[in-house]
Amino acid sequence: MVAAPMRKRQAHWKAAAPSPLAGSQTFAAQSSLPALPVPNLKSTLAELKETLKPLAWSEDEYRSTTTKIDDFEAGLAPTLQDRLVARAKDREHWLEEWWDDLGYLTYRYVLCL
Protein backbone atom coordinates (compact mmCIF):
# COMPACT_ATOMS: atom_id res chain seq x y z
CA MET A 1 0.00 0.00 0.00
CA VAL A 2 1.17 3.48 -0.82
CA ALA A 3 -0.07 6.39 1.27
CA ALA A 4 -1.67 9.33 -0.47
CA PRO A 5 0.73 12.24 -1.04
CA MET A 6 0.73 14.93 1.64
CA ARG A 7 -0.64 18.27 0.53
CA LYS A 8 0.42 21.58 2.01
CA ARG A 9 -2.51 23.17 3.79
CA GLN A 10 -3.03 26.63 5.11
CA ALA A 11 -1.93 27.47 8.63
CA HIS A 12 -4.83 27.68 11.10
CA TRP A 13 -7.13 25.92 8.65
CA LYS A 14 -9.48 24.83 11.43
CA ALA A 15 -10.30 28.46 12.22
CA ALA A 16 -12.26 28.55 8.94
CA ALA A 17 -14.71 25.95 10.25
CA PRO A 18 -18.10 27.26 11.34
CA SER A 19 -18.77 27.69 15.05
CA PRO A 20 -21.00 25.15 16.80
CA LEU A 21 -24.71 25.92 16.63
CA ALA A 22 -26.03 28.29 19.28
CA GLY A 23 -27.21 26.38 22.35
CA SER A 24 -25.23 23.31 21.28
CA GLN A 25 -23.18 21.39 23.83
CA THR A 26 -20.58 20.51 21.19
CA PHE A 27 -17.17 21.72 22.41
CA ALA A 28 -18.81 23.41 25.45
CA ALA A 29 -16.08 22.18 27.81
CA GLN A 30 -13.21 22.43 25.32
CA SER A 31 -11.56 25.43 26.97
CA SER A 32 -11.55 23.77 30.40
CA LEU A 33 -9.92 20.52 29.28
CA PRO A 34 -6.27 19.98 30.26
CA ALA A 35 -3.66 19.71 27.55
CA LEU A 36 -2.93 16.20 26.30
CA PRO A 37 0.27 15.11 28.06
CA VAL A 38 3.22 13.54 26.28
CA PRO A 39 3.26 9.93 27.52
CA ASN A 40 6.16 8.88 29.73
CA LEU A 41 8.74 7.01 27.67
CA LYS A 42 9.69 4.35 30.23
CA SER A 43 6.10 3.41 31.06
CA THR A 44 5.08 3.46 27.38
CA LEU A 45 7.83 1.01 26.44
CA ALA A 46 7.00 -1.21 29.42
CA GLU A 47 3.36 -1.25 28.36
CA LEU A 48 4.39 -2.06 24.80
CA LYS A 49 6.33 -5.08 26.03
CA GLU A 50 3.35 -6.33 28.05
CA THR A 51 1.02 -5.78 25.10
CA LEU A 52 3.26 -7.76 22.76
CA LYS A 53 3.61 -10.73 25.14
CA PRO A 54 0.43 -12.55 24.05
CA LEU A 55 1.09 -11.77 20.38
CA ALA A 56 4.51 -13.41 20.17
CA TRP A 57 4.60 -16.81 18.50
CA SER A 58 7.38 -18.03 20.79
CA GLU A 59 9.58 -17.02 23.71
CA ASP A 60 12.44 -16.45 21.27
CA GLU A 61 10.36 -14.05 19.22
CA TYR A 62 9.27 -12.19 22.37
CA ARG A 63 12.86 -11.97 23.65
CA SER A 64 14.04 -10.71 20.27
CA THR A 65 11.34 -8.07 20.23
CA THR A 66 11.99 -6.87 23.78
CA THR A 67 15.71 -6.68 22.99
CA LYS A 68 14.90 -4.37 20.08
CA ILE A 69 12.70 -2.26 22.34
CA ASP A 70 15.51 -2.06 24.92
CA ASP A 71 17.98 -1.05 22.19
CA PHE A 72 15.58 1.66 21.05
CA GLU A 73 15.19 2.88 24.64
CA ALA A 74 18.97 3.07 25.07
CA GLY A 75 19.49 4.68 21.66
CA LEU A 76 17.20 6.99 19.74
CA ALA A 77 14.17 6.99 22.08
CA PRO A 78 15.35 9.70 24.52
CA THR A 79 16.11 12.09 21.65
CA LEU A 80 12.69 11.51 20.11
CA GLN A 81 11.03 11.90 23.52
CA ASP A 82 12.80 15.23 24.03
CA ARG A 83 11.55 16.37 20.63
CA LEU A 84 7.98 15.41 21.56
CA VAL A 85 8.23 17.33 24.83
CA ALA A 86 9.59 20.36 22.97
CA ARG A 87 6.74 20.10 20.45
CA ALA A 88 4.22 19.99 23.30
CA LYS A 89 5.68 23.21 24.72
CA ASP A 90 5.64 24.87 21.29
CA ARG A 91 2.01 24.06 20.37
CA GLU A 92 -1.39 24.08 21.97
CA HIS A 93 -2.05 20.49 20.83
CA TRP A 94 1.11 18.49 20.08
CA LEU A 95 -0.71 15.51 18.52
CA GLU A 96 -3.55 17.25 16.68
CA GLU A 97 -1.80 17.90 13.35
CA TRP A 98 -0.53 14.32 13.08
CA TRP A 99 -3.88 12.91 14.16
CA ASP A 100 -5.77 14.96 11.57
CA ASP A 101 -3.29 14.36 8.76
CA LEU A 102 -2.56 10.68 9.27
CA GLY A 103 -5.82 9.58 10.83
CA TYR A 104 -8.27 11.46 8.65
CA LEU A 105 -6.79 13.33 5.71
CA THR A 106 -4.29 10.95 4.10
CA TYR A 107 -5.94 7.54 4.55
CA ARG A 108 -8.08 7.01 1.47
CA TYR A 109 -8.86 3.31 1.60
CA VAL A 110 -12.30 1.84 2.20
CA LEU A 111 -13.05 1.46 5.90
CA CYS A 112 -14.53 -1.77 7.19
CA LEU A 113 -17.78 -1.45 9.09
C-alpha atoms as a PDB file:
ATOM      1  CA  MET A   1       0.000   0.000   0.000  1.00  0.00           C
ATOM      2  CA  VAL A   2       1.169   3.482  -0.817  1.00  0.00           C
ATOM      3  CA  ALA A   3      -0.068   6.393   1.273  1.00  0.00           C
ATOM      4  CA  ALA A   4      -1.668   9.328  -0.466  1.00  0.00           C
ATOM      5  CA  PRO A   5       0.726  12.237  -1.045  1.00  0.00           C
ATOM      6  CA  MET A   6       0.731  14.925   1.640  1.00  0.00           C
ATOM      7  CA  ARG A   7      -0.641  18.271   0.533  1.00  0.00           C
ATOM      8  CA  LYS A   8       0.416  21.582   2.009  1.00  0.00           C
ATOM      9  CA  ARG A   9      -2.508  23.165   3.785  1.00  0.00           C
ATOM     10  CA  GLN A  10      -3.029  26.630   5.115  1.00  0.00           C
ATOM     11  CA  ALA A  11      -1.929  27.473   8.628  1.00  0.00           C
ATOM     12  CA  HIS A  12      -4.832  27.685  11.102  1.00  0.00           C
ATOM     13  CA  TRP A  13      -7.133  25.918   8.650  1.00  0.00           C
ATOM     14  CA  LYS A  14      -9.481  24.826  11.435  1.00  0.00           C
ATOM     15  CA  ALA A  15     -10.301  28.462  12.217  1.00  0.00           C
ATOM     16  CA  ALA A  16     -12.257  28.548   8.939  1.00  0.00           C
ATOM     17  CA  ALA A  17     -14.709  25.945  10.251  1.00  0.00           C
ATOM     18  CA  PRO A  18     -18.096  27.258  11.342  1.00  0.00           C
ATOM     19  CA  SER A  19     -18.770  27.690  15.051  1.00  0.00           C
ATOM     20  CA  PRO A  20     -21.003  25.146  16.799  1.00  0.00           C
ATOM     21  CA  LEU A  21     -24.710  25.917  16.629  1.00  0.00           C
ATOM     22  CA  ALA A  22     -26.026  28.287  19.278  1.00  0.00           C
ATOM     23  CA  GLY A  23     -27.209  26.383  22.347  1.00  0.00           C
ATOM     24  CA  SER A  24     -25.231  23.306  21.279  1.00  0.00           C
ATOM     25  CA  GLN A  25     -23.183  21.386  23.830  1.00  0.00           C
ATOM     26  CA  THR A  26     -20.577  20.513  21.194  1.00  0.00           C
ATOM     27  CA  PHE A  27     -17.173  21.718  22.410  1.00  0.00           C
ATOM     28  CA  ALA A  28     -18.814  23.408  25.447  1.00  0.00           C
ATOM     29  CA  ALA A  29     -16.081  22.181  27.806  1.00  0.00           C
ATOM     30  CA  GLN A  30     -13.209  22.428  25.318  1.00  0.00           C
ATOM     31  CA  SER A  31     -11.563  25.434  26.971  1.00  0.00           C
ATOM     32  CA  SER A  32     -11.551  23.767  30.401  1.00  0.00           C
ATOM     33  CA  LEU A  33      -9.917  20.521  29.278  1.00  0.00           C
ATOM     34  CA  PRO A  34      -6.273  19.981  30.262  1.00  0.00           C
ATOM     35  CA  ALA A  35      -3.658  19.706  27.552  1.00  0.00           C
ATOM     36  CA  LEU A  36      -2.928  16.201  26.298  1.00  0.00           C
ATOM     37  CA  PRO A  37       0.270  15.108  28.060  1.00  0.00           C
ATOM     38  CA  VAL A  38       3.216  13.540  26.284  1.00  0.00           C
ATOM     39  CA  PRO A  39       3.263   9.928  27.523  1.00  0.00           C
ATOM     40  CA  ASN A  40       6.162   8.883  29.729  1.00  0.00           C
ATOM     41  CA  LEU A  41       8.738   7.007  27.668  1.00  0.00           C
ATOM     42  CA  LYS A  42       9.687   4.350  30.228  1.00  0.00           C
ATOM     43  CA  SER A  43       6.097   3.407  31.061  1.00  0.00           C
ATOM     44  CA  THR A  44       5.082   3.459  27.380  1.00  0.00           C
ATOM     45  CA  LEU A  45       7.833   1.012  26.438  1.00  0.00           C
ATOM     46  CA  ALA A  46       7.002  -1.208  29.425  1.00  0.00           C
ATOM     47  CA  GLU A  47       3.357  -1.245  28.358  1.00  0.00           C
ATOM     48  CA  LEU A  48       4.391  -2.060  24.799  1.00  0.00           C
ATOM     49  CA  LYS A  49       6.335  -5.077  26.028  1.00  0.00           C
ATOM     50  CA  GLU A  50       3.350  -6.326  28.045  1.00  0.00           C
ATOM     51  CA  THR A  51       1.016  -5.780  25.100  1.00  0.00           C
ATOM     52  CA  LEU A  52       3.263  -7.763  22.756  1.00  0.00           C
ATOM     53  CA  LYS A  53       3.614 -10.726  25.142  1.00  0.00           C
ATOM     54  CA  PRO A  54       0.425 -12.553  24.048  1.00  0.00           C
ATOM     55  CA  LEU A  55       1.088 -11.770  20.381  1.00  0.00           C
ATOM     56  CA  ALA A  56       4.507 -13.412  20.174  1.00  0.00           C
ATOM     57  CA  TRP A  57       4.603 -16.811  18.497  1.00  0.00           C
ATOM     58  CA  SER A  58       7.379 -18.035  20.793  1.00  0.00           C
ATOM     59  CA  GLU A  59       9.577 -17.023  23.711  1.00  0.00           C
ATOM     60  CA  ASP A  60      12.441 -16.452  21.267  1.00  0.00           C
ATOM     61  CA  GLU A  61      10.356 -14.045  19.223  1.00  0.00           C
ATOM     62  CA  TYR A  62       9.268 -12.189  22.368  1.00  0.00           C
ATOM     63  CA  ARG A  63      12.865 -11.972  23.645  1.00  0.00           C
ATOM     64  CA  SER A  64      14.044 -10.709  20.265  1.00  0.00           C
ATOM     65  CA  THR A  65      11.336  -8.066  20.232  1.00  0.00           C
ATOM     66  CA  THR A  66      11.992  -6.874  23.777  1.00  0.00           C
ATOM     67  CA  THR A  67      15.705  -6.682  22.985  1.00  0.00           C
ATOM     68  CA  LYS A  68      14.897  -4.370  20.076  1.00  0.00           C
ATOM     69  CA  ILE A  69      12.699  -2.258  22.344  1.00  0.00           C
ATOM     70  CA  ASP A  70      15.506  -2.059  24.918  1.00  0.00           C
ATOM     71  CA  ASP A  71      17.978  -1.050  22.188  1.00  0.00           C
ATOM     72  CA  PHE A  72      15.581   1.659  21.047  1.00  0.00           C
ATOM     73  CA  GLU A  73      15.186   2.879  24.644  1.00  0.00           C
ATOM     74  CA  ALA A  74      18.971   3.067  25.065  1.00  0.00           C
ATOM     75  CA  GLY A  75      19.494   4.676  21.662  1.00  0.00           C
ATOM     76  CA  LEU A  76      17.196   6.989  19.741  1.00  0.00           C
ATOM     77  CA  ALA A  77      14.174   6.991  22.077  1.00  0.00           C
ATOM     78  CA  PRO A  78      15.355   9.704  24.524  1.00  0.00           C
ATOM     79  CA  THR A  79      16.105  12.093  21.654  1.00  0.00           C
ATOM     80  CA  LEU A  80      12.687  11.509  20.110  1.00  0.00           C
ATOM     81  CA  GLN A  81      11.031  11.901  23.515  1.00  0.00           C
ATOM     82  CA  ASP A  82      12.800  15.231  24.034  1.00  0.00           C
ATOM     83  CA  ARG A  83      11.552  16.367  20.627  1.00  0.00           C
ATOM     84  CA  LEU A  84       7.984  15.412  21.559  1.00  0.00           C
ATOM     85  CA  VAL A  85       8.226  17.326  24.831  1.00  0.00           C
ATOM     86  CA  ALA A  86       9.594  20.363  22.970  1.00  0.00           C
ATOM     87  CA  ARG A  87       6.744  20.097  20.449  1.00  0.00           C
ATOM     88  CA  ALA A  88       4.218  19.994  23.299  1.00  0.00           C
ATOM     89  CA  LYS A  89       5.677  23.214  24.718  1.00  0.00           C
ATOM     90  CA  ASP A  90       5.636  24.866  21.291  1.00  0.00           C
ATOM     91  CA  ARG A  91       2.012  24.062  20.372  1.00  0.00           C
ATOM     92  CA  GLU A  92      -1.389  24.081  21.972  1.00  0.00           C
ATOM     93  CA  HIS A  93      -2.047  20.491  20.827  1.00  0.00           C
ATOM     94  CA  TRP A  94       1.112  18.487  20.078  1.00  0.00           C
ATOM     95  CA  LEU A  95      -0.705  15.512  18.524  1.00  0.00           C
ATOM     96  CA  GLU A  96      -3.550  17.251  16.679  1.00  0.00           C
ATOM     97  CA  GLU A  97      -1.804  17.898  13.353  1.00  0.00           C
ATOM     98  CA  TRP A  98      -0.527  14.320  13.082  1.00  0.00           C
ATOM     99  CA  TRP A  99      -3.880  12.906  14.157  1.00  0.00           C
ATOM    100  CA  ASP A 100      -5.765  14.957  11.574  1.00  0.00           C
ATOM    101  CA  ASP A 101      -3.293  14.363   8.761  1.00  0.00           C
ATOM    102  CA  LEU A 102      -2.556  10.678   9.271  1.00  0.00           C
ATOM    103  CA  GLY A 103      -5.820   9.582  10.834  1.00  0.00           C
ATOM    104  CA  TYR A 104      -8.272  11.456   8.647  1.00  0.00           C
ATOM    105  CA  LEU A 105      -6.788  13.325   5.712  1.00  0.00           C
ATOM    106  CA  THR A 106      -4.286  10.951   4.096  1.00  0.00           C
ATOM    107  CA  TYR A 107      -5.941   7.545   4.555  1.00  0.00           C
ATOM    108  CA  ARG A 108      -8.081   7.010   1.467  1.00  0.00           C
ATOM    109  CA  TYR A 109      -8.861   3.311   1.597  1.00  0.00           C
ATOM    110  CA  VAL A 110     -12.304   1.838   2.201  1.00  0.00           C
ATOM    111  CA  LEU A 111     -13.053   1.460   5.903  1.00  0.00           C
ATOM    112  CA  CYS A 112     -14.534  -1.771   7.189  1.00  0.00           C
ATOM    113  CA  LEU A 113     -17.779  -1.452   9.088  1.00  0.00           C
END
